[in-house]
N, C-alpha and C. Protein backbone atom coordinates (compact mmCIF):
# COMPACT_ATOMS: atom_id res chain seq x y z
N MET A 1 120.28 92.12 41.17
CA MET A 1 119.17 91.43 41.79
C MET A 1 118.33 90.77 40.69
N ARG A 2 118.05 89.50 40.86
CA ARG A 2 117.28 88.76 39.87
C ARG A 2 115.79 88.86 40.16
N PHE A 3 115.01 88.83 39.10
CA PHE A 3 113.56 88.88 39.22
C PHE A 3 113.02 87.45 39.27
N ASN A 4 112.34 87.11 40.35
CA ASN A 4 111.73 85.80 40.51
C ASN A 4 110.21 85.99 40.54
N PRO A 5 109.51 85.64 39.47
CA PRO A 5 108.07 85.92 39.42
C PRO A 5 107.26 85.18 40.49
N VAL A 6 107.65 83.98 40.85
CA VAL A 6 106.89 83.22 41.84
C VAL A 6 106.98 83.89 43.22
N SER A 7 108.19 84.26 43.63
CA SER A 7 108.33 84.92 44.93
C SER A 7 107.71 86.32 44.90
N THR A 8 107.74 86.98 43.76
CA THR A 8 107.11 88.29 43.63
C THR A 8 105.60 88.17 43.77
N MET A 9 105.01 87.12 43.18
CA MET A 9 103.57 86.93 43.33
C MET A 9 103.20 86.56 44.76
N LYS A 10 104.04 85.77 45.44
CA LYS A 10 103.80 85.46 46.86
C LYS A 10 103.86 86.73 47.69
N GLU A 11 104.83 87.57 47.39
CA GLU A 11 104.94 88.85 48.10
C GLU A 11 103.74 89.74 47.80
N GLY A 12 103.24 89.69 46.57
CA GLY A 12 102.05 90.44 46.21
C GLY A 12 100.82 89.96 46.97
N ARG A 13 100.70 88.66 47.14
CA ARG A 13 99.58 88.11 47.91
C ARG A 13 99.68 88.52 49.37
N ARG A 14 100.89 88.52 49.91
CA ARG A 14 101.11 88.96 51.30
C ARG A 14 100.75 90.44 51.45
N TYR A 15 101.19 91.23 50.49
CA TYR A 15 100.90 92.67 50.51
C TYR A 15 99.39 92.91 50.39
N MET A 16 98.73 92.10 49.58
CA MET A 16 97.29 92.22 49.40
C MET A 16 96.56 91.92 50.70
N ARG A 17 97.04 90.95 51.47
CA ARG A 17 96.42 90.62 52.76
C ARG A 17 96.73 91.67 53.81
N THR A 18 97.86 92.34 53.69
CA THR A 18 98.30 93.30 54.71
C THR A 18 97.67 94.68 54.51
N TRP A 19 97.53 95.11 53.27
CA TRP A 19 97.05 96.46 53.00
C TRP A 19 95.64 96.67 53.57
N PRO A 20 95.42 97.76 54.32
CA PRO A 20 94.07 98.02 54.86
C PRO A 20 93.13 98.45 53.73
N MET A 21 92.05 97.73 53.59
CA MET A 21 91.09 98.03 52.52
C MET A 21 90.11 99.10 53.00
N VAL A 22 90.60 100.32 53.05
CA VAL A 22 89.83 101.48 53.49
C VAL A 22 89.67 102.39 52.29
N ARG A 23 88.42 102.72 51.99
CA ARG A 23 88.13 103.49 50.79
C ARG A 23 88.85 104.84 50.75
N GLN A 24 89.04 105.48 51.90
CA GLN A 24 89.70 106.79 51.92
C GLN A 24 91.13 106.72 51.38
N LEU A 25 91.79 105.59 51.58
CA LEU A 25 93.16 105.45 51.08
C LEU A 25 93.19 105.34 49.56
N GLY A 26 92.08 104.99 48.94
CA GLY A 26 92.01 104.88 47.50
C GLY A 26 92.24 106.20 46.78
N PHE A 27 92.05 107.32 47.48
CA PHE A 27 92.30 108.63 46.88
C PHE A 27 93.80 108.92 46.78
N TYR A 28 94.60 108.27 47.62
CA TYR A 28 96.02 108.57 47.70
C TYR A 28 96.91 107.44 47.19
N PHE A 29 96.40 106.21 47.22
CA PHE A 29 97.20 105.06 46.82
C PHE A 29 96.42 104.24 45.79
N PRO A 30 97.08 103.73 44.76
CA PRO A 30 96.38 102.88 43.78
C PRO A 30 96.14 101.47 44.31
N GLU A 31 96.73 101.12 45.44
CA GLU A 31 96.60 99.77 45.97
C GLU A 31 95.15 99.34 46.16
N TYR A 32 94.31 100.24 46.64
CA TYR A 32 92.92 99.89 46.89
C TYR A 32 92.26 99.35 45.61
N ARG A 33 92.44 100.06 44.51
CA ARG A 33 91.81 99.64 43.25
C ARG A 33 92.46 98.37 42.68
N VAL A 34 93.78 98.27 42.77
CA VAL A 34 94.47 97.09 42.24
C VAL A 34 94.10 95.85 43.06
N ILE A 35 94.04 96.00 44.37
CA ILE A 35 93.69 94.85 45.22
C ILE A 35 92.26 94.41 44.96
N ARG A 36 91.33 95.36 44.86
CA ARG A 36 89.93 95.00 44.59
C ARG A 36 89.82 94.27 43.24
N ALA A 37 90.49 94.80 42.22
CA ALA A 37 90.43 94.16 40.89
C ALA A 37 91.06 92.77 40.94
N THR A 38 92.17 92.62 41.64
CA THR A 38 92.83 91.33 41.73
C THR A 38 92.00 90.33 42.52
N GLN A 39 91.37 90.79 43.60
CA GLN A 39 90.51 89.91 44.39
C GLN A 39 89.33 89.40 43.56
N ILE A 40 88.80 90.24 42.71
CA ILE A 40 87.70 89.82 41.84
C ILE A 40 88.21 88.90 40.74
N ALA A 41 89.38 89.23 40.19
CA ALA A 41 89.91 88.48 39.05
C ALA A 41 90.38 87.08 39.43
N LEU A 42 90.88 86.88 40.64
CA LEU A 42 91.42 85.57 41.01
C LEU A 42 90.40 84.44 40.86
N PRO A 43 89.18 84.55 41.36
CA PRO A 43 88.25 83.44 41.16
C PRO A 43 87.51 83.48 39.81
N VAL A 44 87.39 84.64 39.19
CA VAL A 44 86.56 84.78 38.00
C VAL A 44 87.31 84.48 36.70
N MET A 45 88.56 84.90 36.62
CA MET A 45 89.27 84.81 35.34
C MET A 45 89.57 83.39 34.86
N PRO A 46 89.83 82.42 35.72
CA PRO A 46 89.99 81.06 35.17
C PRO A 46 88.71 80.57 34.46
N PHE A 47 87.56 80.85 35.05
CA PHE A 47 86.30 80.50 34.40
C PHE A 47 86.14 81.25 33.08
N MET A 48 86.47 82.54 33.07
CA MET A 48 86.37 83.34 31.85
C MET A 48 87.33 82.82 30.78
N ALA A 49 88.52 82.37 31.20
CA ALA A 49 89.49 81.84 30.24
C ALA A 49 88.95 80.58 29.58
N ILE A 50 88.38 79.70 30.37
CA ILE A 50 87.81 78.47 29.80
C ILE A 50 86.65 78.80 28.87
N LEU A 51 85.77 79.68 29.33
CA LEU A 51 84.62 80.07 28.53
C LEU A 51 85.04 80.72 27.21
N ALA A 52 86.00 81.63 27.27
CA ALA A 52 86.45 82.31 26.05
C ALA A 52 87.13 81.34 25.09
N GLY A 53 87.97 80.45 25.63
CA GLY A 53 88.65 79.49 24.77
C GLY A 53 87.69 78.52 24.11
N LEU A 54 86.78 77.98 24.91
CA LEU A 54 85.82 77.03 24.34
C LEU A 54 84.86 77.68 23.36
N SER A 55 84.48 78.92 23.62
CA SER A 55 83.57 79.59 22.69
C SER A 55 84.26 79.85 21.34
N GLN A 56 85.55 80.16 21.35
CA GLN A 56 86.28 80.33 20.09
C GLN A 56 86.28 79.04 19.28
N ILE A 57 86.54 77.94 19.98
CA ILE A 57 86.58 76.64 19.28
C ILE A 57 85.18 76.26 18.80
N TYR A 58 84.17 76.51 19.62
CA TYR A 58 82.80 76.17 19.25
C TYR A 58 82.34 76.98 18.04
N LEU A 59 82.62 78.28 18.05
CA LEU A 59 82.14 79.14 16.97
C LEU A 59 82.93 78.99 15.68
N TYR A 60 84.25 78.82 15.78
CA TYR A 60 85.09 78.87 14.58
C TYR A 60 85.79 77.55 14.26
N GLY A 61 85.68 76.57 15.13
CA GLY A 61 86.28 75.27 14.85
C GLY A 61 87.70 75.15 15.39
N TRP A 62 88.25 73.94 15.19
CA TRP A 62 89.58 73.65 15.72
C TRP A 62 90.70 74.41 15.02
N ASN A 63 90.42 75.01 13.88
CA ASN A 63 91.44 75.80 13.21
C ASN A 63 91.81 77.04 14.01
N PHE A 64 90.93 77.44 14.92
CA PHE A 64 91.18 78.63 15.73
C PHE A 64 91.73 78.28 17.12
N LEU A 65 92.28 77.09 17.27
CA LEU A 65 92.84 76.68 18.55
C LEU A 65 93.95 77.62 19.03
N PRO A 66 94.89 78.05 18.19
CA PRO A 66 95.91 78.99 18.69
C PRO A 66 95.31 80.30 19.22
N GLN A 67 94.31 80.84 18.53
CA GLN A 67 93.67 82.06 19.00
C GLN A 67 92.93 81.81 20.31
N ALA A 68 92.30 80.65 20.44
CA ALA A 68 91.58 80.31 21.67
C ALA A 68 92.55 80.19 22.84
N ILE A 69 93.70 79.60 22.61
CA ILE A 69 94.72 79.49 23.67
C ILE A 69 95.24 80.87 24.05
N ALA A 70 95.49 81.71 23.04
CA ALA A 70 95.96 83.06 23.32
C ALA A 70 94.95 83.86 24.14
N LEU A 71 93.68 83.74 23.79
CA LEU A 71 92.64 84.44 24.52
C LEU A 71 92.52 83.92 25.95
N ALA A 72 92.61 82.61 26.13
CA ALA A 72 92.56 82.02 27.47
C ALA A 72 93.75 82.48 28.31
N LEU A 73 94.92 82.52 27.70
CA LEU A 73 96.11 82.98 28.43
C LEU A 73 96.00 84.45 28.82
N PHE A 74 95.37 85.25 27.98
CA PHE A 74 95.15 86.65 28.33
C PHE A 74 94.31 86.76 29.59
N PHE A 75 93.20 86.02 29.64
CA PHE A 75 92.33 86.09 30.82
C PHE A 75 93.04 85.58 32.07
N ILE A 76 93.83 84.52 31.92
CA ILE A 76 94.58 83.98 33.06
C ILE A 76 95.64 84.99 33.53
N SER A 77 96.19 85.77 32.60
CA SER A 77 97.27 86.69 32.96
C SER A 77 96.80 87.89 33.77
N LEU A 78 95.51 88.21 33.75
CA LEU A 78 95.04 89.41 34.44
C LEU A 78 95.27 89.36 35.95
N PRO A 79 94.85 88.31 36.67
CA PRO A 79 95.17 88.30 38.10
C PRO A 79 96.67 88.14 38.38
N VAL A 80 97.37 87.47 37.48
CA VAL A 80 98.82 87.34 37.64
C VAL A 80 99.49 88.71 37.56
N GLN A 81 99.03 89.54 36.62
CA GLN A 81 99.57 90.89 36.51
C GLN A 81 99.33 91.70 37.78
N GLY A 82 98.13 91.55 38.37
CA GLY A 82 97.82 92.25 39.61
C GLY A 82 98.74 91.82 40.74
N LEU A 83 98.95 90.51 40.88
CA LEU A 83 99.83 90.00 41.93
C LEU A 83 101.28 90.43 41.71
N LEU A 84 101.72 90.43 40.45
CA LEU A 84 103.09 90.88 40.17
C LEU A 84 103.26 92.35 40.50
N TRP A 85 102.28 93.19 40.12
CA TRP A 85 102.36 94.62 40.43
C TRP A 85 102.41 94.83 41.94
N LEU A 86 101.55 94.13 42.67
CA LEU A 86 101.52 94.27 44.12
C LEU A 86 102.84 93.80 44.75
N GLY A 87 103.39 92.72 44.23
CA GLY A 87 104.67 92.22 44.75
C GLY A 87 105.81 93.19 44.51
N LEU A 88 105.83 93.79 43.33
CA LEU A 88 106.88 94.78 43.05
C LEU A 88 106.67 96.04 43.88
N ARG A 89 105.42 96.44 44.05
CA ARG A 89 105.11 97.63 44.83
C ARG A 89 105.45 97.43 46.31
N ALA A 90 105.24 96.22 46.82
CA ALA A 90 105.50 95.95 48.23
C ALA A 90 106.95 96.23 48.60
N ARG A 91 107.87 95.94 47.72
CA ARG A 91 109.30 96.14 48.00
C ARG A 91 109.85 97.47 47.48
N HIS A 92 109.00 98.29 46.89
CA HIS A 92 109.45 99.59 46.38
C HIS A 92 109.72 100.53 47.56
N PRO A 93 110.82 101.28 47.54
CA PRO A 93 111.11 102.19 48.66
C PRO A 93 110.08 103.32 48.76
N LEU A 94 109.83 103.73 50.00
CA LEU A 94 108.88 104.82 50.24
C LEU A 94 109.48 106.16 49.87
N PRO A 95 108.69 107.07 49.29
CA PRO A 95 109.17 108.44 49.10
C PRO A 95 109.26 109.14 50.47
N LEU A 96 110.00 110.21 50.52
CA LEU A 96 110.24 110.89 51.79
C LEU A 96 108.95 111.39 52.45
N THR A 97 108.00 111.85 51.65
CA THR A 97 106.76 112.35 52.24
C THR A 97 105.99 111.23 52.95
N LEU A 98 105.96 110.05 52.36
CA LEU A 98 105.29 108.92 53.01
C LEU A 98 106.10 108.42 54.20
N LEU A 99 107.41 108.52 54.12
CA LEU A 99 108.26 108.13 55.24
C LEU A 99 107.96 109.01 56.45
N ASP A 100 107.83 110.31 56.22
CA ASP A 100 107.49 111.23 57.31
C ASP A 100 106.11 110.93 57.88
N TRP A 101 105.14 110.70 57.01
CA TRP A 101 103.78 110.40 57.47
C TRP A 101 103.74 109.08 58.24
N GLY A 102 104.50 108.09 57.77
CA GLY A 102 104.58 106.80 58.46
C GLY A 102 105.18 106.94 59.84
N ASN A 103 106.22 107.77 59.96
CA ASN A 103 106.83 107.99 61.27
C ASN A 103 105.89 108.77 62.19
N GLU A 104 105.09 109.67 61.62
CA GLU A 104 104.07 110.37 62.40
C GLU A 104 103.03 109.39 62.94
N LEU A 105 102.63 108.43 62.09
CA LEU A 105 101.68 107.41 62.52
C LEU A 105 102.27 106.50 63.60
N THR A 106 103.55 106.14 63.46
CA THR A 106 104.17 105.30 64.49
C THR A 106 104.25 106.05 65.81
N ALA A 107 104.53 107.35 65.76
CA ALA A 107 104.55 108.14 66.99
C ALA A 107 103.16 108.19 67.62
N LYS A 108 102.12 108.34 66.80
CA LYS A 108 100.74 108.35 67.30
C LYS A 108 100.40 107.01 67.95
N LEU A 109 100.78 105.92 67.30
CA LEU A 109 100.52 104.60 67.86
C LEU A 109 101.30 104.37 69.15
N ALA A 110 102.55 104.84 69.19
CA ALA A 110 103.37 104.70 70.39
C ALA A 110 102.77 105.48 71.55
N SER A 111 102.21 106.66 71.27
CA SER A 111 101.58 107.46 72.33
C SER A 111 100.31 106.78 72.86
N MET A 112 99.73 105.89 72.06
CA MET A 112 98.55 105.14 72.49
C MET A 112 98.93 103.84 73.18
N GLY A 113 100.23 103.54 73.26
CA GLY A 113 100.69 102.33 73.94
C GLY A 113 100.89 101.14 73.05
N THR A 114 100.82 101.33 71.73
CA THR A 114 101.03 100.24 70.78
C THR A 114 102.48 100.23 70.34
N HIS A 115 103.13 99.08 70.48
CA HIS A 115 104.53 98.97 70.05
C HIS A 115 104.58 98.92 68.52
N CYS A 116 105.26 99.88 67.96
CA CYS A 116 105.39 99.96 66.51
C CYS A 116 106.75 100.57 66.21
N PRO A 117 107.66 99.80 65.62
CA PRO A 117 108.99 100.36 65.33
C PRO A 117 108.92 101.45 64.26
N PRO A 118 109.71 102.51 64.41
CA PRO A 118 109.69 103.57 63.40
C PRO A 118 110.25 103.08 62.06
N LEU A 119 109.82 103.74 61.01
CA LEU A 119 110.30 103.40 59.67
C LEU A 119 111.73 103.88 59.51
N GLY A 120 112.56 103.03 58.96
CA GLY A 120 113.95 103.40 58.73
C GLY A 120 114.14 103.95 57.33
N ALA A 121 115.38 104.18 57.00
CA ALA A 121 115.71 104.74 55.69
C ALA A 121 115.40 103.76 54.55
N ASN A 122 115.39 102.47 54.84
CA ASN A 122 115.12 101.45 53.82
C ASN A 122 113.68 100.97 53.84
N ALA A 123 112.77 101.76 54.37
CA ALA A 123 111.36 101.35 54.48
C ALA A 123 110.74 101.23 53.09
N CYS A 124 109.82 100.28 52.98
CA CYS A 124 109.13 100.04 51.72
C CYS A 124 107.62 100.12 51.94
N TYR A 125 106.87 99.95 50.87
CA TYR A 125 105.42 100.06 50.95
C TYR A 125 104.81 98.97 51.84
N LEU A 126 105.42 97.80 51.93
CA LEU A 126 104.92 96.77 52.81
C LEU A 126 105.01 97.22 54.27
N ASP A 127 106.10 97.88 54.64
CA ASP A 127 106.24 98.42 55.99
C ASP A 127 105.15 99.46 56.26
N MET A 128 104.88 100.29 55.27
CA MET A 128 103.83 101.29 55.41
C MET A 128 102.46 100.63 55.55
N ALA A 129 102.23 99.56 54.82
CA ALA A 129 100.96 98.84 54.90
C ALA A 129 100.75 98.27 56.30
N ILE A 130 101.79 97.74 56.90
CA ILE A 130 101.70 97.19 58.26
C ILE A 130 101.32 98.28 59.25
N ILE A 131 101.96 99.44 59.12
CA ILE A 131 101.65 100.56 60.03
C ILE A 131 100.24 101.07 59.79
N LEU A 132 99.85 101.22 58.52
CA LEU A 132 98.49 101.68 58.22
C LEU A 132 97.43 100.72 58.75
N LYS A 133 97.69 99.42 58.63
CA LYS A 133 96.72 98.45 59.12
C LYS A 133 96.57 98.57 60.64
N MET A 134 97.69 98.67 61.34
CA MET A 134 97.62 98.85 62.80
C MET A 134 96.92 100.15 63.16
N ALA A 135 97.22 101.21 62.42
CA ALA A 135 96.64 102.51 62.72
C ALA A 135 95.14 102.52 62.48
N PHE A 136 94.68 101.91 61.39
CA PHE A 136 93.24 101.89 61.12
C PHE A 136 92.49 101.02 62.11
N GLU A 137 93.16 100.05 62.71
CA GLU A 137 92.52 99.22 63.72
C GLU A 137 92.43 99.92 65.07
N ARG A 138 93.38 100.85 65.36
CA ARG A 138 93.47 101.39 66.71
C ARG A 138 93.15 102.88 66.85
N VAL A 139 93.38 103.66 65.80
CA VAL A 139 93.20 105.11 65.90
C VAL A 139 91.75 105.46 65.56
N ASP A 140 91.19 106.43 66.25
CA ASP A 140 89.78 106.79 66.05
C ASP A 140 89.57 107.50 64.71
N ALA A 141 88.32 107.53 64.29
CA ALA A 141 87.96 108.05 62.97
C ALA A 141 88.23 109.54 62.82
N SER A 142 88.18 110.29 63.91
CA SER A 142 88.40 111.74 63.82
C SER A 142 89.82 112.06 63.33
N TYR A 143 90.78 111.24 63.71
CA TYR A 143 92.16 111.45 63.24
C TYR A 143 92.23 111.31 61.72
N TRP A 144 91.54 110.30 61.19
CA TRP A 144 91.58 110.07 59.74
C TRP A 144 90.82 111.15 58.99
N GLU A 145 89.76 111.68 59.57
CA GLU A 145 89.03 112.77 58.91
C GLU A 145 89.90 114.01 58.78
N GLN A 146 90.74 114.27 59.77
CA GLN A 146 91.63 115.44 59.74
C GLN A 146 92.77 115.24 58.75
N HIS A 147 93.32 114.03 58.70
CA HIS A 147 94.54 113.81 57.92
C HIS A 147 94.32 113.30 56.51
N LEU A 148 93.14 112.78 56.21
CA LEU A 148 92.92 112.25 54.86
C LEU A 148 92.00 113.13 54.02
N HIS A 149 91.54 114.24 54.55
CA HIS A 149 90.66 115.10 53.75
C HIS A 149 91.27 116.45 53.54
């Protein structure tokens, strides 16, 4: 399987939009923190890259152009790294414990009348994110207090 960074970043953006941004999940999944950091970095880091590059040239002159470019590329790479991590994580297979919990959530949603297909053997984190998003929209808070604490 070949690694395609553009499609991986698109998948990361999709995963970022799908993942439920619920603080309680931050204790169990790193996605909450990575998504928050990436959401902040996407609009801020291009400005920071320009500012850092221009300040290097202003303070030290044109002889420091390579260092200014390197510093700007570092700042630009931060949100890209977040999107790449999210894209790779989205397609990563679920461990058995999460697979069981996901199937428990699908059964809970099915008992409430929501159509939700059960997770199969090839389920990934994106599938879990879809189920979690549906569950957080439809299941009452008392269920989450029992199962997340």
